[in-house]
Amino acid sequence: MNPTSSFPKLSVEELGLNKKCKEGRADSDSYQQNDRYLTRFILSYGELHEKQLHLLRHPKTGSATLYAIGNERVEELLKFDDGFRSVLLGNNVVSNGSLILLVPVSPVLLLLPYLRKFAKDNYVSLKEILVDDYFPSIKLLENVKAVKSSLKHACHCKESDSDCAVRGILEENLPANILRLVEIHEGNEDAPSNKRRKKQHCREGGENNWK
């Protein structure tokens, strides 16, 4: 199943980014889509051309959520809209006055469900942990600089030149509200991704990897 099918396609197209934040700089307000220039108000730390939008599993709900993945950090995409309104920008009138905000998130928050499932008693390669049939873009977090530094705080780590292996979770280093949030996700039977897994389990008689 294509992971993007569970996210409204219109929401991606309305951003004018075509799933990739690659045109212009962070202080630019124009983006080209289908030979048209669209104006968007975007607040983000750093330059947009270094980031790409990908769907990842939300750690609480398990639903598809858009995140901007760059070399340094991961940011969740939030859109604030007051409805149909125009905004004056210099000598121009912008028909879409919505605001797109890229908010930095801790990579550990996104990785905790995977760590709890696969990194228990023995050291496991990070490459083997970042695997999700429904959200394959999770593997891109391996190359984000903030990920490895966050992992050292959240679990036991062993690093080599080409890989990183992790084991267990240092719960004493993590806020209790974050641990509770992930626990809610693991027990949430109503999440769309969980329903798909349960149906697949019934058809194939295999192990359900996500509760």
N, C-alpha and C. Protein backbone atom coordinates (compact mmCIF):
# COMPACT_ATOMS: atom_id res chain seq x y z
N MET A 1 0.83 -1.19 0.00
CA MET A 1 0.00 0.00 0.00
C MET A 1 0.87 1.24 0.00
N ASN A 2 0.52 2.22 -0.84
CA ASN A 2 1.27 3.47 -0.90
C ASN A 2 0.97 4.29 0.34
N PRO A 3 1.99 4.70 1.12
CA PRO A 3 1.73 5.42 2.35
C PRO A 3 1.04 6.75 2.12
N THR A 4 1.22 7.36 0.93
CA THR A 4 0.60 8.66 0.69
C THR A 4 -0.89 8.56 0.51
N SER A 5 -1.43 7.35 0.30
CA SER A 5 -2.86 7.21 0.08
C SER A 5 -3.65 7.49 1.34
N SER A 6 -3.01 7.42 2.51
CA SER A 6 -3.72 7.68 3.75
C SER A 6 -3.64 9.14 4.16
N PHE A 7 -3.00 10.00 3.33
CA PHE A 7 -2.91 11.43 3.60
C PHE A 7 -3.61 12.17 2.48
N PRO A 8 -4.47 13.15 2.77
CA PRO A 8 -5.19 13.87 1.73
C PRO A 8 -4.25 14.46 0.70
N LYS A 9 -4.40 14.06 -0.55
CA LYS A 9 -3.51 14.53 -1.60
C LYS A 9 -3.59 16.03 -1.77
N LEU A 10 -4.78 16.59 -1.57
CA LEU A 10 -4.98 18.01 -1.76
C LEU A 10 -4.13 18.82 -0.80
N SER A 11 -3.91 18.31 0.39
CA SER A 11 -3.14 19.04 1.39
C SER A 11 -1.71 19.26 0.92
N VAL A 12 -1.14 18.27 0.23
CA VAL A 12 0.22 18.40 -0.28
C VAL A 12 0.25 19.38 -1.44
N GLU A 13 -0.73 19.27 -2.34
CA GLU A 13 -0.74 20.12 -3.52
C GLU A 13 -0.99 21.58 -3.15
N GLU A 14 -1.83 21.81 -2.14
CA GLU A 14 -2.14 23.18 -1.75
C GLU A 14 -0.92 23.91 -1.22
N LEU A 15 0.05 23.19 -0.73
CA LEU A 15 1.25 23.83 -0.20
C LEU A 15 2.07 24.48 -1.29
N GLY A 16 1.90 24.03 -2.52
CA GLY A 16 2.69 24.57 -3.60
C GLY A 16 4.11 24.09 -3.58
N LEU A 17 4.41 23.05 -2.82
CA LEU A 17 5.78 22.56 -2.68
C LEU A 17 6.00 21.27 -3.44
N ASN A 18 4.92 20.63 -3.89
CA ASN A 18 5.04 19.39 -4.65
C ASN A 18 5.86 18.35 -3.91
N LYS A 19 5.67 18.27 -2.57
CA LYS A 19 6.32 17.32 -1.68
C LYS A 19 7.80 17.59 -1.48
N LYS A 20 8.38 18.57 -2.19
CA LYS A 20 9.81 18.85 -2.01
C LYS A 20 10.01 20.35 -1.79
N CYS A 21 10.63 20.71 -0.69
CA CYS A 21 10.94 22.11 -0.41
C CYS A 21 12.29 22.43 -1.02
N LYS A 22 12.35 22.58 -2.31
CA LYS A 22 13.66 22.73 -2.93
C LYS A 22 13.81 24.04 -3.70
N GLU A 23 12.70 24.76 -3.97
CA GLU A 23 12.83 26.00 -4.71
C GLU A 23 12.94 27.17 -3.76
N GLY A 24 13.92 28.03 -3.99
CA GLY A 24 14.01 29.26 -3.22
C GLY A 24 14.70 29.09 -1.88
N ARG A 25 14.88 30.22 -1.20
CA ARG A 25 15.51 30.22 0.11
C ARG A 25 14.44 30.33 1.18
N ALA A 26 14.87 30.26 2.44
CA ALA A 26 13.92 30.29 3.55
C ALA A 26 13.15 31.61 3.60
N ASP A 27 13.77 32.71 3.10
CA ASP A 27 13.09 33.99 3.16
C ASP A 27 12.34 34.29 1.87
N SER A 28 12.25 33.33 0.97
CA SER A 28 11.52 33.52 -0.27
C SER A 28 10.05 33.23 -0.06
N ASP A 29 9.18 33.92 -0.81
CA ASP A 29 7.75 33.71 -0.65
C ASP A 29 7.10 33.16 -1.91
N SER A 30 7.89 32.79 -2.92
CA SER A 30 7.32 32.28 -4.17
C SER A 30 7.85 30.90 -4.49
N TYR A 31 6.96 30.02 -4.94
CA TYR A 31 7.32 28.65 -5.30
C TYR A 31 6.65 28.31 -6.61
N GLN A 32 7.36 27.61 -7.48
CA GLN A 32 6.83 27.30 -8.80
C GLN A 32 6.22 25.91 -8.81
N GLN A 33 5.02 25.82 -9.37
CA GLN A 33 4.33 24.54 -9.49
C GLN A 33 3.54 24.54 -10.78
N ASN A 34 3.83 23.57 -11.65
CA ASN A 34 3.12 23.46 -12.92
C ASN A 34 3.18 24.77 -13.70
N ASP A 35 4.40 25.35 -13.79
CA ASP A 35 4.64 26.58 -14.54
C ASP A 35 3.88 27.78 -13.96
N ARG A 36 3.41 27.68 -12.72
CA ARG A 36 2.75 28.80 -12.07
C ARG A 36 3.53 29.13 -10.80
N TYR A 37 3.57 30.42 -10.47
CA TYR A 37 4.23 30.82 -9.24
C TYR A 37 3.18 31.04 -8.16
N LEU A 38 3.31 30.30 -7.07
CA LEU A 38 2.38 30.39 -5.96
C LEU A 38 3.09 31.05 -4.78
N THR A 39 2.38 31.90 -4.09
CA THR A 39 2.95 32.58 -2.93
C THR A 39 2.48 31.91 -1.66
N ARG A 40 3.42 31.58 -0.78
CA ARG A 40 3.11 30.93 0.48
C ARG A 40 3.90 31.60 1.60
N PHE A 41 3.30 31.68 2.76
CA PHE A 41 3.99 32.17 3.95
C PHE A 41 4.50 30.97 4.73
N ILE A 42 5.82 30.82 4.79
CA ILE A 42 6.43 29.66 5.42
C ILE A 42 7.45 30.13 6.46
N LEU A 43 7.31 29.64 7.68
CA LEU A 43 8.27 29.93 8.74
C LEU A 43 9.07 28.67 9.03
N SER A 44 10.38 28.78 8.88
CA SER A 44 11.24 27.61 9.07
C SER A 44 12.63 28.07 9.45
N TYR A 45 13.32 27.24 10.22
CA TYR A 45 14.70 27.51 10.57
C TYR A 45 15.59 26.94 9.47
N GLY A 46 16.43 27.79 8.87
CA GLY A 46 17.31 27.31 7.82
C GLY A 46 16.69 27.47 6.45
N GLU A 47 17.36 26.93 5.46
CA GLU A 47 16.94 27.09 4.07
C GLU A 47 16.06 25.93 3.63
N LEU A 48 15.02 26.26 2.85
CA LEU A 48 14.05 25.26 2.43
C LEU A 48 14.63 24.26 1.45
N HIS A 49 15.59 24.67 0.64
CA HIS A 49 16.09 23.76 -0.39
C HIS A 49 16.85 22.58 0.22
N GLU A 50 17.17 22.66 1.51
CA GLU A 50 17.87 21.55 2.17
C GLU A 50 16.90 20.52 2.74
N LYS A 51 15.59 20.76 2.61
CA LYS A 51 14.60 19.90 3.26
C LYS A 51 13.65 19.30 2.24
N GLN A 52 13.16 18.10 2.55
CA GLN A 52 12.16 17.44 1.73
C GLN A 52 11.02 16.97 2.62
N LEU A 53 9.81 17.05 2.09
CA LEU A 53 8.63 16.62 2.84
C LEU A 53 8.41 15.12 2.65
N HIS A 54 8.20 14.43 3.77
CA HIS A 54 7.94 12.98 3.73
C HIS A 54 6.87 12.64 4.75
N LEU A 55 6.13 11.58 4.46
CA LEU A 55 5.13 11.08 5.39
C LEU A 55 5.78 10.09 6.36
N LEU A 56 5.61 10.35 7.66
CA LEU A 56 6.10 9.45 8.69
C LEU A 56 4.95 9.10 9.63
N ARG A 57 5.13 8.02 10.37
CA ARG A 57 4.12 7.59 11.33
C ARG A 57 4.15 8.50 12.57
N HIS A 58 2.99 9.08 12.91
CA HIS A 58 2.93 9.90 14.12
C HIS A 58 3.03 8.98 15.33
N PRO A 59 3.92 9.29 16.29
CA PRO A 59 4.16 8.36 17.40
C PRO A 59 2.96 8.16 18.32
N LYS A 60 2.02 9.10 18.34
CA LYS A 60 0.86 8.96 19.21
C LYS A 60 -0.31 8.28 18.51
N THR A 61 -0.64 8.77 17.30
CA THR A 61 -1.83 8.27 16.61
C THR A 61 -1.54 7.16 15.62
N GLY A 62 -0.28 7.07 15.15
CA GLY A 62 0.05 6.09 14.13
C GLY A 62 -0.36 6.52 12.74
N SER A 63 -0.95 7.70 12.59
CA SER A 63 -1.44 8.16 11.29
C SER A 63 -0.32 8.85 10.52
N ALA A 64 -0.53 8.99 9.21
CA ALA A 64 0.46 9.62 8.34
C ALA A 64 0.52 11.12 8.62
N THR A 65 1.74 11.63 8.83
CA THR A 65 1.94 13.04 9.14
C THR A 65 3.12 13.54 8.32
N LEU A 66 3.01 14.77 7.82
CA LEU A 66 4.07 15.34 7.00
C LEU A 66 5.18 15.92 7.88
N TYR A 67 6.41 15.52 7.56
CA TYR A 67 7.59 16.06 8.24
C TYR A 67 8.59 16.52 7.19
N ALA A 68 9.29 17.61 7.51
CA ALA A 68 10.37 18.08 6.66
C ALA A 68 11.68 17.51 7.20
N ILE A 69 12.35 16.72 6.37
CA ILE A 69 13.59 16.06 6.79
C ILE A 69 14.77 16.75 6.11
N GLY A 70 15.68 17.28 6.91
CA GLY A 70 16.87 17.93 6.39
C GLY A 70 18.13 17.24 6.88
N ASN A 71 19.26 17.84 6.60
CA ASN A 71 20.53 17.25 7.03
C ASN A 71 20.74 17.38 8.54
N GLU A 72 20.21 18.44 9.12
CA GLU A 72 20.47 18.73 10.53
C GLU A 72 19.36 18.29 11.47
N ARG A 73 18.09 18.39 11.02
CA ARG A 73 16.97 18.20 11.94
C ARG A 73 15.74 17.69 11.21
N VAL A 74 14.72 17.35 12.02
CA VAL A 74 13.41 16.94 11.50
C VAL A 74 12.37 17.92 12.03
N GLU A 75 11.47 18.36 11.15
CA GLU A 75 10.45 19.33 11.53
C GLU A 75 9.07 18.83 11.11
N GLU A 76 8.10 19.03 11.98
CA GLU A 76 6.72 18.69 11.64
C GLU A 76 6.07 19.86 10.93
N LEU A 77 5.30 19.57 9.88
CA LEU A 77 4.64 20.61 9.11
C LEU A 77 3.26 20.88 9.70
N LEU A 78 3.03 22.13 10.07
CA LEU A 78 1.74 22.57 10.60
C LEU A 78 1.20 23.68 9.72
N LYS A 79 -0.09 23.64 9.43
CA LYS A 79 -0.70 24.65 8.59
C LYS A 79 -1.80 25.36 9.37
N PHE A 80 -1.70 26.70 9.43
CA PHE A 80 -2.69 27.52 10.11
C PHE A 80 -3.47 28.30 9.07
N ASP A 81 -4.78 28.18 9.10
CA ASP A 81 -5.62 28.77 8.07
C ASP A 81 -6.84 29.43 8.71
N ASP A 82 -7.04 30.72 8.41
CA ASP A 82 -8.21 31.43 8.92
C ASP A 82 -9.39 31.35 7.95
N GLY A 83 -9.30 30.46 6.99
CA GLY A 83 -10.36 30.36 6.00
C GLY A 83 -10.01 31.15 4.75
N PHE A 84 -10.99 31.42 3.93
CA PHE A 84 -10.76 32.14 2.68
C PHE A 84 -10.52 33.62 2.98
N ARG A 85 -9.28 34.05 2.78
CA ARG A 85 -8.93 35.44 3.01
C ARG A 85 -7.71 35.78 2.17
N SER A 86 -7.55 37.06 1.89
CA SER A 86 -6.40 37.54 1.13
C SER A 86 -5.49 38.34 2.06
N VAL A 87 -4.21 38.36 1.71
CA VAL A 87 -3.22 39.07 2.50
C VAL A 87 -2.45 40.01 1.59
N LEU A 88 -2.21 41.23 2.05
CA LEU A 88 -1.43 42.20 1.29
C LEU A 88 0.05 41.96 1.55
N LEU A 89 0.82 41.75 0.47
CA LEU A 89 2.26 41.51 0.58
C LEU A 89 2.96 42.46 -0.38
N GLY A 90 3.51 43.56 0.16
CA GLY A 90 4.11 44.56 -0.71
C GLY A 90 3.06 45.18 -1.61
N ASN A 91 3.30 45.09 -2.92
CA ASN A 91 2.35 45.62 -3.90
C ASN A 91 1.43 44.54 -4.44
N ASN A 92 1.45 43.37 -3.83
CA ASN A 92 0.66 42.24 -4.33
C ASN A 92 -0.42 41.83 -3.33
N VAL A 93 -1.44 41.16 -3.86
CA VAL A 93 -2.49 40.58 -3.04
C VAL A 93 -2.35 39.06 -3.12
N VAL A 94 -2.11 38.43 -1.98
CA VAL A 94 -1.96 36.98 -1.92
C VAL A 94 -3.32 36.37 -1.59
N SER A 95 -3.82 35.53 -2.51
CA SER A 95 -5.16 34.97 -2.33
C SER A 95 -5.21 33.93 -1.21
N ASN A 96 -4.09 33.22 -1.00
CA ASN A 96 -4.04 32.21 0.06
C ASN A 96 -3.23 32.76 1.22
N GLY A 97 -3.91 33.14 2.29
CA GLY A 97 -3.21 33.76 3.41
C GLY A 97 -2.86 32.79 4.52
N SER A 98 -2.88 31.49 4.24
CA SER A 98 -2.55 30.51 5.27
C SER A 98 -1.06 30.55 5.60
N LEU A 99 -0.73 30.11 6.80
CA LEU A 99 0.65 30.10 7.27
C LEU A 99 1.13 28.67 7.47
N ILE A 100 2.26 28.34 6.88
CA ILE A 100 2.86 27.02 7.03
C ILE A 100 4.04 27.14 7.99
N LEU A 101 4.01 26.35 9.03
CA LEU A 101 5.04 26.42 10.07
C LEU A 101 5.75 25.08 10.17
N LEU A 102 7.08 25.10 10.08
CA LEU A 102 7.89 23.90 10.25
C LEU A 102 8.49 23.92 11.65
N VAL A 103 7.99 23.03 12.51
CA VAL A 103 8.37 23.02 13.93
C VAL A 103 9.36 21.89 14.20
N PRO A 104 10.55 22.19 14.73
CA PRO A 104 11.52 21.13 15.05
C PRO A 104 10.95 20.15 16.07
N VAL A 105 11.18 18.87 15.83
CA VAL A 105 10.75 17.83 16.77
C VAL A 105 11.96 16.97 17.14
N SER A 106 11.91 16.39 18.30
CA SER A 106 12.99 15.49 18.72
C SER A 106 12.90 14.19 17.93
N PRO A 107 13.97 13.79 17.25
CA PRO A 107 13.93 12.53 16.51
C PRO A 107 13.60 11.33 17.38
N VAL A 108 13.97 11.39 18.67
CA VAL A 108 13.67 10.27 19.57
C VAL A 108 12.18 10.02 19.64
N LEU A 109 11.40 11.08 19.59
CA LEU A 109 9.95 10.93 19.65
C LEU A 109 9.43 10.09 18.49
N LEU A 110 10.01 10.28 17.31
CA LEU A 110 9.59 9.51 16.14
C LEU A 110 10.14 8.09 16.16
N LEU A 111 11.28 7.91 16.83
CA LEU A 111 11.95 6.60 16.81
C LEU A 111 11.52 5.68 17.95
N LEU A 112 10.94 6.22 19.01
CA LEU A 112 10.61 5.40 20.17
C LEU A 112 9.74 4.18 19.86
N PRO A 113 8.70 4.30 19.02
CA PRO A 113 7.91 3.10 18.71
C PRO A 113 8.76 2.00 18.08
N TYR A 114 9.71 2.38 17.22
CA TYR A 114 10.57 1.40 16.56
C TYR A 114 11.59 0.83 17.54
N LEU A 115 12.12 1.68 18.41
CA LEU A 115 13.09 1.21 19.41
C LEU A 115 12.44 0.22 20.37
N ARG A 116 11.23 0.51 20.79
CA ARG A 116 10.54 -0.39 21.72
C ARG A 116 10.22 -1.72 21.08
N LYS A 117 10.03 -1.71 19.78
CA LYS A 117 9.65 -2.95 19.10
C LYS A 117 10.87 -3.82 18.78
N PHE A 118 11.97 -3.19 18.37
CA PHE A 118 13.08 -3.97 17.82
C PHE A 118 14.37 -3.92 18.63
N ALA A 119 14.58 -2.88 19.44
CA ALA A 119 15.84 -2.73 20.18
C ALA A 119 15.61 -3.02 21.64
N LYS A 120 15.59 -4.28 22.02
CA LYS A 120 15.27 -4.65 23.40
C LYS A 120 16.52 -5.11 24.14
N ASP A 121 16.83 -6.40 24.12
CA ASP A 121 17.93 -6.93 24.93
C ASP A 121 19.27 -6.94 24.20
N ASN A 122 19.23 -7.08 22.89
CA ASN A 122 20.46 -7.19 22.11
C ASN A 122 20.64 -5.96 21.22
N TYR A 123 21.90 -5.67 20.91
CA TYR A 123 22.19 -4.55 20.02
C TYR A 123 21.69 -4.86 18.61
N VAL A 124 21.02 -3.88 18.02
CA VAL A 124 20.47 -4.02 16.67
C VAL A 124 20.91 -2.82 15.85
N SER A 125 21.28 -3.08 14.60
CA SER A 125 21.69 -2.00 13.71
C SER A 125 20.54 -1.02 13.49
N LEU A 126 20.87 0.26 13.45
CA LEU A 126 19.85 1.27 13.21
C LEU A 126 19.19 1.07 11.85
N LYS A 127 19.95 0.55 10.89
CA LYS A 127 19.39 0.28 9.57
C LYS A 127 18.27 -0.75 9.65
N GLU A 128 18.40 -1.72 10.54
CA GLU A 128 17.38 -2.76 10.67
C GLU A 128 16.16 -2.28 11.45
N ILE A 129 16.34 -1.25 12.26
CA ILE A 129 15.24 -0.73 13.05
C ILE A 129 14.36 0.20 12.23
N LEU A 130 15.00 1.02 11.39
CA LEU A 130 14.26 2.02 10.62
C LEU A 130 13.64 1.38 9.38
N VAL A 131 12.72 0.47 9.60
CA VAL A 131 12.02 -0.23 8.52
C VAL A 131 10.53 -0.18 8.80
N ASP A 132 9.76 0.31 7.83
CA ASP A 132 8.31 0.40 7.97
C ASP A 132 7.70 0.27 6.58
N ASP A 133 6.93 -0.79 6.36
CA ASP A 133 6.34 -1.02 5.04
C ASP A 133 5.41 0.11 4.62
N TYR A 134 4.74 0.72 5.57
CA TYR A 134 3.78 1.77 5.25
C TYR A 134 4.40 3.15 5.20
N PHE A 135 5.52 3.33 5.88
CA PHE A 135 6.20 4.62 5.91
C PHE A 135 7.69 4.41 5.66
N PRO A 136 8.07 4.04 4.43
CA PRO A 136 9.47 3.72 4.13
C PRO A 136 10.42 4.89 4.32
N SER A 137 9.91 6.11 4.33
CA SER A 137 10.78 7.28 4.49
C SER A 137 11.41 7.36 5.87
N ILE A 138 10.97 6.51 6.80
CA ILE A 138 11.57 6.52 8.14
C ILE A 138 13.07 6.22 8.07
N LYS A 139 13.49 5.50 7.03
CA LYS A 139 14.91 5.15 6.90
C LYS A 139 15.78 6.38 6.66
N LEU A 140 15.18 7.48 6.20
CA LEU A 140 15.95 8.69 5.94
C LEU A 140 16.48 9.33 7.23
N LEU A 141 15.88 9.00 8.35
CA LEU A 141 16.33 9.59 9.62
C LEU A 141 17.74 9.14 9.98
N GLU A 142 18.18 8.05 9.39
CA GLU A 142 19.52 7.55 9.68
C GLU A 142 20.59 8.58 9.33
N ASN A 143 20.31 9.44 8.33
CA ASN A 143 21.30 10.40 7.85
C ASN A 143 21.14 11.79 8.47
N VAL A 144 20.20 11.96 9.39
CA VAL A 144 20.00 13.25 10.04
C VAL A 144 20.94 13.36 11.24
N LYS A 145 21.69 14.44 11.32
CA LYS A 145 22.70 14.58 12.36
C LYS A 145 22.10 14.54 13.77
N ALA A 146 20.93 15.11 13.93
CA ALA A 146 20.32 15.16 15.27
C ALA A 146 19.89 13.80 15.77
N VAL A 147 19.75 12.83 14.88
CA VAL A 147 19.24 11.51 15.28
C VAL A 147 20.24 10.79 16.19
N LYS A 148 21.48 10.68 15.76
CA LYS A 148 22.47 9.92 16.54
C LYS A 148 22.75 10.56 17.89
N SER A 149 22.79 11.89 17.93
CA SER A 149 23.00 12.55 19.21
C SER A 149 21.82 12.33 20.15
N SER A 150 20.61 12.27 19.59
CA SER A 150 19.42 12.01 20.40
C SER A 150 19.40 10.58 20.89
N LEU A 151 19.85 9.65 20.05
CA LEU A 151 19.85 8.24 20.43
C LEU A 151 20.78 7.98 21.61
N LYS A 152 21.91 8.68 21.67
CA LYS A 152 22.84 8.50 22.78
C LYS A 152 22.20 8.86 24.11
N HIS A 153 21.23 9.73 24.07
CA HIS A 153 20.55 10.14 25.29
C HIS A 153 19.39 9.21 25.63
N ALA A 154 18.87 8.50 24.62
CA ALA A 154 17.65 7.71 24.82
C ALA A 154 17.90 6.22 24.98
N CYS A 155 19.04 5.72 24.50
CA CYS A 155 19.28 4.27 24.59
C CYS A 155 20.79 4.00 24.55
N HIS A 156 21.15 2.74 24.77
CA HIS A 156 22.56 2.33 24.69
C HIS A 156 22.97 2.30 23.21
N CYS A 157 24.11 2.90 22.90
CA CYS A 157 24.55 3.01 21.50
C CYS A 157 25.98 2.52 21.33
N LYS A 158 26.22 1.91 20.18
CA LYS A 158 27.57 1.57 19.73
C LYS A 158 27.71 2.09 18.31
N GLU A 159 28.75 2.89 18.08
CA GLU A 159 28.93 3.50 16.77
C GLU A 159 30.17 2.96 16.08
N SER A 160 30.06 2.86 14.77
CA SER A 160 31.21 2.55 13.92
C SER A 160 31.25 3.61 12.83
N ASP A 161 32.20 3.48 11.91
CA ASP A 161 32.32 4.47 10.85
C ASP A 161 31.11 4.47 9.92
N SER A 162 30.47 3.32 9.76
CA SER A 162 29.40 3.21 8.78
C SER A 162 28.04 2.88 9.37
N ASP A 163 27.97 2.63 10.68
CA ASP A 163 26.69 2.19 11.23
C ASP A 163 26.60 2.56 12.71
N CYS A 164 25.40 2.39 13.23
CA CYS A 164 25.13 2.64 14.65
C CYS A 164 24.22 1.53 15.14
N ALA A 165 24.57 0.91 16.27
CA ALA A 165 23.75 -0.14 16.85
C ALA A 165 23.20 0.35 18.19
N VAL A 166 21.94 -0.01 18.47
CA VAL A 166 21.29 0.47 19.68
C VAL A 166 20.68 -0.70 20.45
N ARG A 167 20.49 -0.49 21.75
CA ARG A 167 19.88 -1.53 22.60
C ARG A 167 19.15 -0.86 23.75
N GLY A 168 17.94 -1.33 24.03
CA GLY A 168 17.18 -0.87 25.17
C GLY A 168 16.83 0.61 25.11
N ILE A 169 16.07 1.06 26.10
CA ILE A 169 15.68 2.46 26.20
C ILE A 169 16.00 2.95 27.61
N LEU A 170 16.71 4.07 27.68
CA LEU A 170 17.05 4.68 28.97
C LEU A 170 15.88 5.56 29.41
N GLU A 171 14.87 4.91 29.96
CA GLU A 171 13.64 5.62 30.29
C GLU A 171 13.87 6.72 31.32
N GLU A 172 14.89 6.55 32.16
CA GLU A 172 15.16 7.58 33.17
C GLU A 172 15.64 8.88 32.55
N ASN A 173 16.09 8.84 31.28
CA ASN A 173 16.56 10.04 30.60
C ASN A 173 15.47 10.73 29.80
N LEU A 174 14.29 10.13 29.74
CA LEU A 174 13.22 10.67 28.91
C LEU A 174 12.08 11.17 29.78
N PRO A 175 11.45 12.28 29.38
CA PRO A 175 10.30 12.80 30.13
C PRO A 175 9.17 11.79 30.17
N ALA A 176 8.49 11.72 31.30
CA ALA A 176 7.41 10.74 31.47
C ALA A 176 6.28 10.96 30.48
N ASN A 177 6.01 12.23 30.11
CA ASN A 177 4.91 12.48 29.19
C ASN A 177 5.20 11.94 27.80
N ILE A 178 6.48 11.91 27.40
CA ILE A 178 6.85 11.34 26.11
C ILE A 178 6.67 9.83 26.14
N LEU A 179 7.07 9.19 27.21
CA LEU A 179 6.90 7.74 27.33
C LEU A 179 5.43 7.37 27.33
N ARG A 180 4.60 8.16 27.99
CA ARG A 180 3.16 7.88 28.01
C ARG A 180 2.57 8.07 26.63
N LEU A 181 3.05 9.05 25.89
CA LEU A 181 2.52 9.30 24.55
C LEU A 181 2.74 8.10 23.65
N VAL A 182 3.93 7.53 23.69
CA VAL A 182 4.22 6.38 22.84
C VAL A 182 3.45 5.16 23.31
N GLU A 183 3.25 5.02 24.60
CA GLU A 183 2.46 3.90 25.12
C GLU A 183 1.03 3.97 24.60
N ILE A 184 0.48 5.19 24.52
CA ILE A 184 -0.87 5.36 23.97
C ILE A 184 -0.91 4.89 22.53
N HIS A 185 0.12 5.23 21.76
CA HIS A 185 0.16 4.82 20.35
C HIS A 185 0.21 3.31 20.22
N GLU A 186 1.01 2.66 21.03
CA GLU A 186 1.16 1.21 20.91
C GLU A 186 -0.13 0.49 21.27
N GLY A 187 -0.99 1.09 22.09
CA GLY A 187 -2.23 0.45 22.47
C GLY A 187 -3.43 0.96 21.72
N ASN A 188 -3.20 1.83 20.72
CA ASN A 188 -4.29 2.45 19.99
C ASN A 188 -4.75 1.54 18.86
N GLU A 189 -5.82 0.81 19.06
CA GLU A 189 -6.30 -0.14 18.07
C GLU A 189 -7.07 0.54 16.95
N ASP A 190 -7.43 1.83 17.14
CA ASP A 190 -8.26 2.50 16.16
C ASP A 190 -7.45 3.25 15.11
N ALA A 191 -6.12 3.29 15.26
CA ALA A 191 -5.30 3.97 14.27
C ALA A 191 -5.43 3.28 12.93
N PRO A 192 -5.52 4.04 11.81
CA PRO A 192 -5.69 3.43 10.49
C PRO A 192 -4.63 2.40 10.16
N SER A 193 -3.36 2.70 10.50
CA SER A 193 -2.29 1.75 10.18
C SER A 193 -2.47 0.46 10.96
N ASN A 194 -3.00 0.55 12.19
CA ASN A 194 -3.20 -0.65 12.99
C ASN A 194 -4.31 -1.51 12.42
N LYS A 195 -5.36 -0.86 11.90
CA LYS A 195 -6.45 -1.61 11.30
C LYS A 195 -5.96 -2.39 10.09
N ARG A 196 -5.08 -1.76 9.29
CA ARG A 196 -4.55 -2.45 8.11
C ARG A 196 -3.73 -3.65 8.54
N ARG A 197 -2.93 -3.47 9.60
CA ARG A 197 -2.10 -4.57 10.09
C ARG A 197 -2.96 -5.73 10.59
N LYS A 198 -4.05 -5.39 11.30
CA LYS A 198 -4.91 -6.43 11.84
C LYS A 198 -5.57 -7.22 10.73
N LYS A 199 -6.00 -6.52 9.65
CA LYS A 199 -6.60 -7.22 8.52
C LYS A 199 -5.59 -8.14 7.85
N GLN A 200 -4.35 -7.62 7.69
CA GLN A 200 -3.31 -8.43 7.06
C GLN A 200 -3.00 -9.65 7.92
N HIS A 201 -3.01 -9.48 9.22
CA HIS A 201 -2.74 -10.58 10.14
C HIS A 201 -3.81 -11.67 10.00
N CYS A 202 -5.06 -11.25 9.86
CA CYS A 202 -6.16 -12.22 9.73
C CYS A 202 -6.05 -12.99 8.42
N ARG A 203 -5.62 -12.30 7.35
CA ARG A 203 -5.53 -12.95 6.04
C ARG A 203 -4.36 -13.92 5.98
N GLU A 204 -3.21 -13.49 6.53
CA GLU A 204 -1.99 -14.27 6.35
C GLU A 204 -1.68 -15.16 7.54
N GLY A 205 -2.31 -14.89 8.68
CA GLY A 205 -2.02 -15.69 9.87
C GLY A 205 -0.65 -15.43 10.42
N GLY A 206 -0.06 -14.26 10.05
CA GLY A 206 1.29 -13.95 10.50
C GLY A 206 1.28 -13.11 11.75
N GLU A 207 2.46 -12.76 12.22
CA GLU A 207 2.60 -11.98 13.44
C GLU A 207 2.28 -10.53 13.15
N ASN A 208 1.52 -9.90 14.00
CA ASN A 208 1.19 -8.49 13.86
C ASN A 208 2.31 -7.65 14.47
N ASN A 209 3.09 -6.97 13.62
CA ASN A 209 4.25 -6.23 14.11
C ASN A 209 3.87 -4.95 14.84
N TRP A 210 2.69 -4.39 14.53
CA TRP A 210 2.24 -3.18 15.20
C TRP A 210 0.93 -3.48 15.88
N LYS A 211 0.86 -3.29 17.17
CA LYS A 211 -0.34 -3.60 17.94
C LYS A 211 -1.49 -2.69 17.54
